[in-house]
Amino acid sequence: PSKYGIKIFALVDSRVFYTWKMEIYAGKQPNGPFQVD
């Protein structure tokens, strides 16, 4: 609906809709401890 924005991956309980874990998508990070696949 918004088309533009910040993408966040979320793990949610399917029964009660409790958001248990999230991760912000930051694109390609610089070389270092925060660079992930």
PDB file of all heavy atoms in Angstrom:
ATOM      1  N   PRO A   1       0.810  -1.227   0.000  1.00  0.00           N
ATOM      2  CA  PRO A   1       0.000   0.000   0.000  1.00  0.00           C
ATOM      3  C   PRO A   1       0.834   1.264   0.000  1.00  0.00           C
ATOM      4  O   PRO A   1       0.527   2.236  -0.675  1.00  0.00           O
ATOM      5  CB  PRO A   1      -0.822  -0.117   1.294  1.00  0.00           C
ATOM      6  CG  PRO A   1      -0.872  -1.575   1.581  1.00  0.00           C
ATOM      7  CD  PRO A   1       0.422  -2.135   1.094  1.00  0.00           C
ATOM      8  N   SER A   2       1.957   1.287   0.776  1.00  0.00           N
ATOM      9  CA  SER A   2       2.763   2.509   0.843  1.00  0.00           C
ATOM     10  C   SER A   2       3.738   2.659  -0.317  1.00  0.00           C
ATOM     11  O   SER A   2       4.167   3.759  -0.600  1.00  0.00           O
ATOM     12  CB  SER A   2       3.559   2.580   2.135  1.00  0.00           C
ATOM     13  OG  SER A   2       3.274   1.616   3.001  1.00  0.00           O
ATOM     14  N   LYS A   3       4.133   1.527  -0.938  1.00  0.00           N
ATOM     15  CA  LYS A   3       5.036   1.478  -2.093  1.00  0.00           C
ATOM     16  C   LYS A   3       6.482   1.827  -1.736  1.00  0.00           C
ATOM     17  O   LYS A   3       7.401   1.164  -2.191  1.00  0.00           O
ATOM     18  CB  LYS A   3       4.528   2.353  -3.240  1.00  0.00           C
ATOM     19  CG  LYS A   3       3.253   1.813  -3.866  1.00  0.00           C
ATOM     20  CD  LYS A   3       2.854   2.610  -5.076  1.00  0.00           C
ATOM     21  CE  LYS A   3       1.721   1.952  -5.829  1.00  0.00           C
ATOM     22  NZ  LYS A   3       0.546   1.647  -5.013  1.00  0.00           N
ATOM     23  N   TYR A   4       6.706   2.917  -0.999  1.00  0.00           N
ATOM     24  CA  TYR A   4       8.063   3.303  -0.619  1.00  0.00           C
ATOM     25  C   TYR A   4       8.199   3.199   0.897  1.00  0.00           C
ATOM     26  O   TYR A   4       7.292   3.603   1.630  1.00  0.00           O
ATOM     27  CB  TYR A   4       8.375   4.740  -1.045  1.00  0.00           C
ATOM     28  CG  TYR A   4       8.425   4.957  -2.536  1.00  0.00           C
ATOM     29  CD1 TYR A   4       7.283   5.287  -3.242  1.00  0.00           C
ATOM     30  CD2 TYR A   4       9.621   4.823  -3.232  1.00  0.00           C
ATOM     31  CE1 TYR A   4       7.317   5.489  -4.611  1.00  0.00           C
ATOM     32  CE2 TYR A   4       9.670   5.023  -4.614  1.00  0.00           C
ATOM     33  CZ  TYR A   4       8.510   5.354  -5.292  1.00  0.00           C
ATOM     34  OH  TYR A   4       8.559   5.549  -6.648  1.00  0.00           O
ATOM     35  N   GLY A   5       9.346   2.685   1.342  1.00  0.00           N
ATOM     36  CA  GLY A   5       9.521   2.636   2.785  1.00  0.00           C
ATOM     37  C   GLY A   5      10.699   1.786   3.214  1.00  0.00           C
ATOM     38  O   GLY A   5      11.580   1.444   2.412  1.00  0.00           O
ATOM     39  N   ILE A   6      10.705   1.444   4.494  1.00  0.00           N
ATOM     40  CA  ILE A   6      11.776   0.667   5.105  1.00  0.00           C
ATOM     41  C   ILE A   6      11.260  -0.751   5.332  1.00  0.00           C
ATOM     42  O   ILE A   6      10.230  -0.949   5.974  1.00  0.00           O
ATOM     43  CB  ILE A   6      12.213   1.304   6.432  1.00  0.00           C
ATOM     44  CG1 ILE A   6      12.779   2.702   6.153  1.00  0.00           C
ATOM     45  CG2 ILE A   6      13.248   0.446   7.139  1.00  0.00           C
ATOM     46  CD1 ILE A   6      12.984   3.526   7.383  1.00  0.00           C
ATOM     47  N   LYS A   7      11.991  -1.717   4.800  1.00  0.00           N
ATOM     48  CA  LYS A   7      11.561  -3.109   4.889  1.00  0.00           C
ATOM     49  C   LYS A   7      12.054  -3.738   6.187  1.00  0.00           C
ATOM     50  O   LYS A   7      13.232  -3.616   6.538  1.00  0.00           O
ATOM     51  CB  LYS A   7      12.071  -3.902   3.681  1.00  0.00           C
ATOM     52  CG  LYS A   7      11.603  -5.350   3.658  1.00  0.00           C
ATOM     53  CD  LYS A   7      11.765  -5.971   2.294  1.00  0.00           C
ATOM     54  CE  LYS A   7      13.215  -6.226   1.939  1.00  0.00           C
ATOM     55  NZ  LYS A   7      13.351  -6.986   0.686  1.00  0.00           N
ATOM     56  N   ILE A   8      11.142  -4.395   6.886  1.00  0.00           N
ATOM     57  CA  ILE A   8      11.468  -5.073   8.138  1.00  0.00           C
ATOM     58  C   ILE A   8      10.961  -6.504   8.050  1.00  0.00           C
ATOM     59  O   ILE A   8       9.768  -6.734   7.810  1.00  0.00           O
ATOM     60  CB  ILE A   8      10.833  -4.371   9.351  1.00  0.00           C
ATOM     61  CG1 ILE A   8      11.329  -2.924   9.459  1.00  0.00           C
ATOM     62  CG2 ILE A   8      11.145  -5.129  10.639  1.00  0.00           C
ATOM     63  CD1 ILE A   8      10.691  -2.147  10.595  1.00  0.00           C
ATOM     64  N   PHE A   9      11.858  -7.460   8.214  1.00  0.00           N
ATOM     65  CA  PHE A   9      11.457  -8.865   8.283  1.00  0.00           C
ATOM     66  C   PHE A   9      10.947  -9.151   9.694  1.00  0.00           C
ATOM     67  O   PHE A   9      11.555  -8.736  10.679  1.00  0.00           O
ATOM     68  CB  PHE A   9      12.630  -9.793   7.962  1.00  0.00           C
ATOM     69  CG  PHE A   9      13.209  -9.595   6.593  1.00  0.00           C
ATOM     70  CD1 PHE A   9      14.446  -9.008   6.417  1.00  0.00           C
ATOM     71  CD2 PHE A   9      12.508  -9.997   5.469  1.00  0.00           C
ATOM     72  CE1 PHE A   9      14.978  -8.817   5.159  1.00  0.00           C
ATOM     73  CE2 PHE A   9      13.030  -9.811   4.198  1.00  0.00           C
ATOM     74  CZ  PHE A   9      14.268  -9.222   4.045  1.00  0.00           C
ATOM     75  N   ALA A  10       9.819  -9.858   9.791  1.00  0.00           N
ATOM     76  CA  ALA A  10       9.203 -10.097  11.097  1.00  0.00           C
ATOM     77  C   ALA A  10       8.805 -11.557  11.242  1.00  0.00           C
ATOM     78  O   ALA A  10       8.325 -12.185  10.292  1.00  0.00           O
ATOM     79  CB  ALA A  10       7.977  -9.203  11.279  1.00  0.00           C
ATOM     80  N   LEU A  11       9.013 -12.088  12.442  1.00  0.00           N
ATOM     81  CA  LEU A  11       8.537 -13.419  12.819  1.00  0.00           C
ATOM     82  C   LEU A  11       7.397 -13.221  13.808  1.00  0.00           C
ATOM     83  O   LEU A  11       7.579 -12.625  14.870  1.00  0.00           O
ATOM     84  CB  LEU A  11       9.672 -14.239  13.440  1.00  0.00           C
ATOM     85  CG  LEU A  11       9.386 -15.707  13.766  1.00  0.00           C
ATOM     86  CD1 LEU A  11      10.687 -16.509  13.750  1.00  0.00           C
ATOM     87  CD2 LEU A  11       8.732 -15.890  15.133  1.00  0.00           C
ATOM     88  N   VAL A  12       6.202 -13.721  13.453  1.00  0.00           N
ATOM     89  CA  VAL A  12       4.985 -13.445  14.211  1.00  0.00           C
ATOM     90  C   VAL A  12       4.288 -14.752  14.576  1.00  0.00           C
ATOM     91  O   VAL A  12       4.243 -15.690  13.763  1.00  0.00           O
ATOM     92  CB  VAL A  12       4.030 -12.545  13.396  1.00  0.00           C
ATOM     93  CG1 VAL A  12       2.724 -12.297  14.140  1.00  0.00           C
ATOM     94  CG2 VAL A  12       4.702 -11.215  13.064  1.00  0.00           C
ATOM     95  N   ASP A  13       3.749 -14.809  15.779  1.00  0.00           N
ATOM     96  CA  ASP A  13       2.930 -15.949  16.193  1.00  0.00           C
ATOM     97  C   ASP A  13       1.639 -15.962  15.368  1.00  0.00           C
ATOM     98  O   ASP A  13       0.908 -14.979  15.336  1.00  0.00           O
ATOM     99  CB  ASP A  13       2.601 -15.827  17.690  1.00  0.00           C
ATOM    100  CG  ASP A  13       1.908 -17.065  18.232  1.00  0.00           C
ATOM    101  OD1 ASP A  13       0.815 -17.393  17.735  1.00  0.00           O
ATOM    102  OD2 ASP A  13       2.439 -17.684  19.163  1.00  0.00           O
ATOM    103  N   SER A  14       1.339 -17.068  14.709  1.00  0.00           N
ATOM    104  CA  SER A  14       0.202 -17.136  13.788  1.00  0.00           C
ATOM    105  C   SER A  14      -1.144 -17.155  14.496  1.00  0.00           C
ATOM    106  O   SER A  14      -2.173 -16.921  13.872  1.00  0.00           O
ATOM    107  CB  SER A  14       0.321 -18.393  12.906  1.00  0.00           C
ATOM    108  OG  SER A  14       1.537 -18.409  12.199  1.00  0.00           O
ATOM    109  N   ARG A  15      -1.176 -17.444  15.794  1.00  0.00           N
ATOM    110  CA  ARG A  15      -2.448 -17.558  16.513  1.00  0.00           C
ATOM    111  C   ARG A  15      -2.836 -16.257  17.208  1.00  0.00           C
ATOM    112  O   ARG A  15      -3.988 -15.847  17.168  1.00  0.00           O
ATOM    113  CB  ARG A  15      -2.373 -18.681  17.544  1.00  0.00           C
ATOM    114  CG  ARG A  15      -2.164 -20.057  16.929  1.00  0.00           C
ATOM    115  CD  ARG A  15      -2.022 -21.129  17.994  1.00  0.00           C
ATOM    116  NE  ARG A  15      -3.267 -21.328  18.723  1.00  0.00           N
ATOM    117  CZ  ARG A  15      -3.474 -20.943  19.969  1.00  0.00           C
ATOM    118  NH1 ARG A  15      -2.528 -20.310  20.630  1.00  0.00           N
ATOM    119  NH2 ARG A  15      -4.616 -21.174  20.569  1.00  0.00           N
ATOM    120  N   VAL A  16      -1.884 -15.620  17.893  1.00  0.00           N
ATOM    121  CA  VAL A  16      -2.217 -14.419  18.686  1.00  0.00           C
ATOM    122  C   VAL A  16      -1.589 -13.161  18.111  1.00  0.00           C
ATOM    123  O   VAL A  16      -1.764 -12.074  18.668  1.00  0.00           O
ATOM    124  CB  VAL A  16      -1.780 -14.604  20.158  1.00  0.00           C
ATOM    125  CG1 VAL A  16      -2.538 -15.734  20.803  1.00  0.00           C
ATOM    126  CG2 VAL A  16      -0.273 -14.819  20.261  1.00  0.00           C
ATOM    127  N   PHE A  17      -0.815 -13.286  17.017  1.00  0.00           N
ATOM    128  CA  PHE A  17      -0.232 -12.145  16.306  1.00  0.00           C
ATOM    129  C   PHE A  17       0.751 -11.371  17.183  1.00  0.00           C
ATOM    130  O   PHE A  17       0.798 -10.136  17.157  1.00  0.00           O
ATOM    131  CB  PHE A  17      -1.330 -11.224  15.764  1.00  0.00           C
ATOM    132  CG  PHE A  17      -2.417 -11.960  15.033  1.00  0.00           C
ATOM    133  CD1 PHE A  17      -3.737 -11.847  15.414  1.00  0.00           C
ATOM    134  CD2 PHE A  17      -2.111 -12.794  13.977  1.00  0.00           C
ATOM    135  CE1 PHE A  17      -4.733 -12.542  14.759  1.00  0.00           C
ATOM    136  CE2 PHE A  17      -3.098 -13.494  13.301  1.00  0.00           C
ATOM    137  CZ  PHE A  17      -4.418 -13.371  13.698  1.00  0.00           C
ATOM    138  N   TYR A  18       1.536 -12.106  17.952  1.00  0.00           N
ATOM    139  CA  TYR A  18       2.605 -11.501  18.754  1.00  0.00           C
ATOM    140  C   TYR A  18       3.866 -11.443  17.908  1.00  0.00           C
ATOM    141  O   TYR A  18       4.348 -12.469  17.408  1.00  0.00           O
ATOM    142  CB  TYR A  18       2.843 -12.330  20.015  1.00  0.00           C
ATOM    143  CG  TYR A  18       3.881 -11.756  20.960  1.00  0.00           C
ATOM    144  CD1 TYR A  18       3.503 -10.924  22.007  1.00  0.00           C
ATOM    145  CD2 TYR A  18       5.239 -12.054  20.815  1.00  0.00           C
ATOM    146  CE1 TYR A  18       4.445 -10.401  22.886  1.00  0.00           C
ATOM    147  CE2 TYR A  18       6.188 -11.538  21.678  1.00  0.00           C
ATOM    148  CZ  TYR A  18       5.783 -10.712  22.718  1.00  0.00           C
ATOM    149  OH  TYR A  18       6.728 -10.191  23.577  1.00  0.00           O
ATOM    150  N   THR A  19       4.431 -10.262  17.723  1.00  0.00           N
ATOM    151  CA  THR A  19       5.666 -10.101  16.950  1.00  0.00           C
ATOM    152  C   THR A  19       6.841 -10.459  17.839  1.00  0.00           C
ATOM    153  O   THR A  19       7.146  -9.743  18.805  1.00  0.00           O
ATOM    154  CB  THR A  19       5.801  -8.663  16.427  1.00  0.00           C
ATOM    155  OG1 THR A  19       4.645  -8.338  15.639  1.00  0.00           O
ATOM    156  CG2 THR A  19       7.045  -8.523  15.570  1.00  0.00           C
ATOM    157  N   TRP A  20       7.517 -11.547  17.526  1.00  0.00           N
ATOM    158  CA  TRP A  20       8.545 -12.104  18.407  1.00  0.00           C
ATOM    159  C   TRP A  20       9.952 -11.666  18.030  1.00  0.00           C
ATOM    160  O   TRP A  20      10.796 -11.478  18.897  1.00  0.00           O
ATOM    161  CB  TRP A  20       8.443 -13.630  18.369  1.00  0.00           C
ATOM    162  CG  TRP A  20       9.145 -14.322  19.506  1.00  0.00           C
ATOM    163  CD1 TRP A  20       8.751 -14.354  20.809  1.00  0.00           C
ATOM    164  CD2 TRP A  20      10.345 -15.086  19.423  1.00  0.00           C
ATOM    165  NE1 TRP A  20       9.641 -15.096  21.561  1.00  0.00           N
ATOM    166  CE2 TRP A  20      10.627 -15.561  20.723  1.00  0.00           C
ATOM    167  CE3 TRP A  20      11.212 -15.423  18.382  1.00  0.00           C
ATOM    168  CZ2 TRP A  20      11.739 -16.350  21.006  1.00  0.00           C
ATOM    169  CZ3 TRP A  20      12.315 -16.216  18.665  1.00  0.00           C
ATOM    170  CH2 TRP A  20      12.569 -16.668  19.956  1.00  0.00           C
ATOM    171  N   LYS A  21      10.204 -11.494  16.744  1.00  0.00           N
ATOM    172  CA  LYS A  21      11.547 -11.083  16.312  1.00  0.00           C
ATOM    173  C   LYS A  21      11.440 -10.273  15.028  1.00  0.00           C
ATOM    174  O   LYS A  21      10.586 -10.542  14.176  1.00  0.00           O
ATOM    175  CB  LYS A  21      12.450 -12.305  16.104  1.00  0.00           C
ATOM    176  CG  LYS A  21      13.932 -11.956  15.974  1.00  0.00           C
ATOM    177  CD  LYS A  21      14.809 -13.189  15.967  1.00  0.00           C
ATOM    178  CE  LYS A  21      16.285 -12.787  15.875  1.00  0.00           C
ATOM    179  NZ  LYS A  21      17.189 -13.961  15.836  1.00  0.00           N
ATOM    180  N   MET A  22      12.333  -9.281  14.882  1.00  0.00           N
ATOM    181  CA  MET A  22      12.343  -8.432  13.685  1.00  0.00           C
ATOM    182  C   MET A  22      13.784  -8.165  13.258  1.00  0.00           C
ATOM    183  O   MET A  22      14.705  -8.213  14.068  1.00  0.00           O
ATOM    184  CB  MET A  22      11.627  -7.106  13.957  1.00  0.00           C
ATOM    185  CG  MET A  22      10.142  -7.230  14.221  1.00  0.00           C
ATOM    186  SD  MET A  22       9.329  -5.610  14.352  1.00  0.00           S
ATOM    187  CE  MET A  22      10.029  -5.007  15.888  1.00  0.00           C
ATOM    188  N   GLU A  23      13.923  -7.864  11.981  1.00  0.00           N
ATOM    189  CA  GLU A  23      15.237  -7.513  11.429  1.00  0.00           C
ATOM    190  C   GLU A  23      15.040  -6.483  10.326  1.00  0.00           C
ATOM    191  O   GLU A  23      14.269  -6.698   9.393  1.00  0.00           O
ATOM    192  CB  GLU A  23      15.943  -8.756  10.877  1.00  0.00           C
ATOM    193  CG  GLU A  23      17.295  -8.473  10.249  1.00  0.00           C
ATOM    194  CD  GLU A  23      17.949  -9.714   9.675  1.00  0.00           C
ATOM    195  OE1 GLU A  23      18.114 -10.698  10.419  1.00  0.00           O
ATOM    196  OE2 GLU A  23      18.295  -9.704   8.466  1.00  0.00           O
ATOM    197  N   ILE A  24      15.718  -5.351  10.437  1.00  0.00           N
ATOM    198  CA  ILE A  24      15.616  -4.291   9.431  1.00  0.00           C
ATOM    199  C   ILE A  24      16.508  -4.640   8.247  1.00  0.00           C
ATOM    200  O   ILE A  24      17.684  -4.995   8.418  1.00  0.00           O
ATOM    201  CB  ILE A  24      16.028  -2.927  10.014  1.00  0.00           C
ATOM    202  CG1 ILE A  24      15.160  -2.577  11.221  1.00  0.00           C
ATOM    203  CG2 ILE A  24      15.914  -1.831   8.960  1.00  0.00           C
ATOM    204  CD1 ILE A  24      15.602  -1.320  11.952  1.00  0.00           C
ATOM    205  N   TYR A  25      15.961  -4.528   7.041  1.00  0.00           N
ATOM    206  CA  TYR A  25      16.761  -4.754   5.841  1.00  0.00           C
ATOM    207  C   TYR A  25      17.536  -3.474   5.527  1.00  0.00           C
ATOM    208  O   TYR A  25      16.940  -2.427   5.258  1.00  0.00           O
ATOM    209  CB  TYR A  25      15.862  -5.132   4.668  1.00  0.00           C
ATOM    210  CG  TYR A  25      16.610  -5.242   3.363  1.00  0.00           C
ATOM    211  CD1 TYR A  25      17.386  -6.353   3.080  1.00  0.00           C
ATOM    212  CD2 TYR A  25      16.546  -4.220   2.405  1.00  0.00           C
ATOM    213  CE1 TYR A  25      18.078  -6.460   1.882  1.00  0.00           C
ATOM    214  CE2 TYR A  25      17.226  -4.321   1.213  1.00  0.00           C
ATOM    215  CZ  TYR A  25      17.996  -5.437   0.958  1.00  0.00           C
ATOM    216  OH  TYR A  25      18.679  -5.537  -0.219  1.00  0.00           O
ATOM    217  N   ALA A  26      18.866  -3.556   5.573  1.00  0.00           N
ATOM    218  CA  ALA A  26      19.711  -2.372   5.366  1.00  0.00           C
ATOM    219  C   ALA A  26      20.508  -2.438   4.077  1.00  0.00           C
ATOM    220  O   ALA A  26      21.450  -1.663   3.894  1.00  0.00           O
ATOM    221  CB  ALA A  26      20.663  -2.207   6.549  1.00  0.00           C
ATOM    222  N   GLY A  27      20.130  -3.335   3.171  1.00  0.00           N
ATOM    223  CA  GLY A  27      20.888  -3.450   1.932  1.00  0.00           C
ATOM    224  C   GLY A  27      22.265  -4.052   2.191  1.00  0.00           C
ATOM    225  O   GLY A  27      22.475  -4.799   3.142  1.00  0.00           O
ATOM    226  N   LYS A  28      23.221  -3.689   1.366  1.00  0.00           N
ATOM    227  CA  LYS A  28      24.586  -4.196   1.520  1.00  0.00           C
ATOM    228  C   LYS A  28      25.331  -3.335   2.527  1.00  0.00           C
ATOM    229  O   LYS A  28      25.578  -2.155   2.294  1.00  0.00           O
ATOM    230  CB  LYS A  28      25.314  -4.195   0.177  1.00  0.00           C
ATOM    231  CG  LYS A  28      26.696  -4.834   0.254  1.00  0.00           C
ATOM    232  CD  LYS A  28      27.361  -4.888  -1.107  1.00  0.00           C
ATOM    233  CE  LYS A  28      28.750  -5.536  -0.999  1.00  0.00           C
ATOM    234  NZ  LYS A  28      29.433  -5.594  -2.317  1.00  0.00           N
ATOM    235  N   GLN A  29      25.692  -3.919   3.643  1.00  0.00           N
ATOM    236  CA  GLN A  29      26.404  -3.202   4.697  1.00  0.00           C
ATOM    237  C   GLN A  29      27.896  -3.119   4.368  1.00  0.00           C
ATOM    238  O   GLN A  29      28.437  -3.955   3.632  1.00  0.00           O
ATOM    239  CB  GLN A  29      26.225  -3.919   6.035  1.00  0.00           C
ATOM    240  CG  GLN A  29      24.840  -3.821   6.627  1.00  0.00           C
ATOM    241  CD  GLN A  29      24.708  -2.611   7.545  1.00  0.00           C
ATOM    242  OE1 GLN A  29      25.305  -1.561   7.298  1.00  0.00           O
ATOM    243  NE2 GLN A  29      23.933  -2.759   8.595  1.00  0.00           N
ATOM    244  N   PRO A  30      28.609  -2.115   4.916  1.00  0.00           N
ATOM    245  CA  PRO A  30      30.070  -2.058   4.756  1.00  0.00           C
ATOM    246  C   PRO A  30      30.727  -3.287   5.382  1.00  0.00           C
ATOM    247  O   PRO A  30      30.141  -3.969   6.234  1.00  0.00           O
ATOM    248  CB  PRO A  30      30.456  -0.779   5.512  1.00  0.00           C
ATOM    249  CG  PRO A  30      29.203   0.021   5.613  1.00  0.00           C
ATOM    250  CD  PRO A  30      28.076  -0.972   5.658  1.00  0.00           C
ATOM    251  N   ASN A  31      31.952  -3.587   4.950  1.00  0.00           N
ATOM    252  CA  ASN A  31      32.679  -4.715   5.517  1.00  0.00           C
ATOM    253  C   ASN A  31      32.843  -4.518   7.015  1.00  0.00           C
ATOM    254  O   ASN A  31      33.270  -3.460   7.476  1.00  0.00           O
ATOM    255  CB  ASN A  31      34.059  -4.850   4.862  1.00  0.00           C
ATOM    256  CG  ASN A  31      33.957  -5.242   3.398  1.00  0.00           C
ATOM    257  OD1 ASN A  31      33.002  -5.912   3.006  1.00  0.00           O
ATOM    258  ND2 ASN A  31      34.920  -4.822   2.602  1.00  0.00           N
ATOM    259  N   GLY A  32      32.482  -5.545   7.770  1.00  0.00           N
ATOM    260  CA  GLY A  32      32.570  -5.432   9.216  1.00  0.00           C
ATOM    261  C   GLY A  32      31.607  -6.371   9.914  1.00  0.00           C
ATOM    262  O   GLY A  32      31.033  -7.281   9.289  1.00  0.00           O
ATOM    263  N   PRO A  33      31.374  -6.163  11.193  1.00  0.00           N
ATOM    264  CA  PRO A  33      30.559  -7.105  11.977  1.00  0.00           C
ATOM    265  C   PRO A  33      29.080  -7.102  11.620  1.00  0.00           C
ATOM    266  O   PRO A  33      28.362  -8.039  11.988  1.00  0.00           O
ATOM    267  CB  PRO A  33      30.762  -6.612  13.421  1.00  0.00           C
ATOM    268  CG  PRO A  33      31.128  -5.168  13.288  1.00  0.00           C
ATOM    269  CD  PRO A  33      31.907  -5.066  12.012  1.00  0.00           C
ATOM    270  N   PHE A  34      28.606  -6.079  10.918  1.00  0.00           N
ATOM    271  CA  PHE A  34      27.178  -5.982  10.620  1.00  0.00           C
ATOM    272  C   PHE A  34      26.853  -6.415   9.189  1.00  0.00           C
ATOM    273  O   PHE A  34      25.708  -6.313   8.763  1.00  0.00           O
ATOM    274  CB  PHE A  34      26.680  -4.553  10.851  1.00  0.00           C
ATOM    275  CG  PHE A  34      26.885  -4.077  12.263  1.00  0.00           C
ATOM    276  CD1 PHE A  34      27.892  -3.179  12.559  1.00  0.00           C
ATOM    277  CD2 PHE A  34      26.094  -4.553  13.294  1.00  0.00           C
ATOM    278  CE1 PHE A  34      28.089  -2.745  13.861  1.00  0.00           C
ATOM    279  CE2 PHE A  34      26.280  -4.125  14.594  1.00  0.00           C
ATOM    280  CZ  PHE A  34      27.288  -3.218  14.883  1.00  0.00           C
ATOM    281  N   GLN A  35      27.827  -6.892   8.458  1.00  0.00           N
ATOM    282  CA  GLN A  35      27.590  -7.361   7.093  1.00  0.00           C
ATOM    283  C   GLN A  35      27.001  -8.769   7.151  1.00  0.00           C
ATOM    284  O   GLN A  35      27.601  -9.681   7.733  1.00  0.00           O
ATOM    285  CB  GLN A  35      28.882  -7.360   6.288  1.00  0.00           C
ATOM    286  CG  GLN A  35      28.671  -7.612   4.804  1.00  0.00           C
ATOM    287  CD  GLN A  35      29.977  -7.532   4.031  1.00  0.00           C
ATOM    288  OE1 GLN A  35      30.984  -8.108   4.458  1.00  0.00           O
ATOM    289  NE2 GLN A  35      29.974  -6.837   2.913  1.00  0.00           N
ATOM    290  N   VAL A  36      25.818  -8.945   6.573  1.00  0.00           N
ATOM    291  CA  VAL A  36      25.131 -10.234   6.618  1.00  0.00           C
ATOM    292  C   VAL A  36      24.640 -10.603   5.226  1.00  0.00           C
ATOM    293  O   VAL A  36      24.543  -9.748   4.336  1.00  0.00           O
ATOM    294  CB  VAL A  36      23.932 -10.205   7.595  1.00  0.00           C
ATOM    295  CG1 VAL A  36      24.394 -10.011   9.024  1.00  0.00           C
ATOM    296  CG2 VAL A  36      22.934  -9.121   7.205  1.00  0.00           C
ATOM    297  N   ASP A  37      24.338 -11.874   5.064  1.00  0.00           N
ATOM    298  CA  ASP A  37      23.759 -12.377   3.818  1.00  0.00           C
ATOM    299  C   ASP A  37      22.251 -12.099   3.828  1.00  0.00           C
ATOM    300  O   ASP A  37      21.546 -12.498   4.748  1.00  0.00           O
ATOM    301  CB  ASP A  37      24.026 -13.872   3.707  1.00  0.00           C
ATOM    302  CG  ASP A  37      23.512 -14.463   2.404  1.00  0.00           C
ATOM    303  OD1 ASP A  37      22.994 -13.697   1.564  1.00  0.00           O
ATOM    304  OD2 ASP A  37      23.614 -15.690   2.236  1.00  0.00           O
TER     305      ASP A  37
END
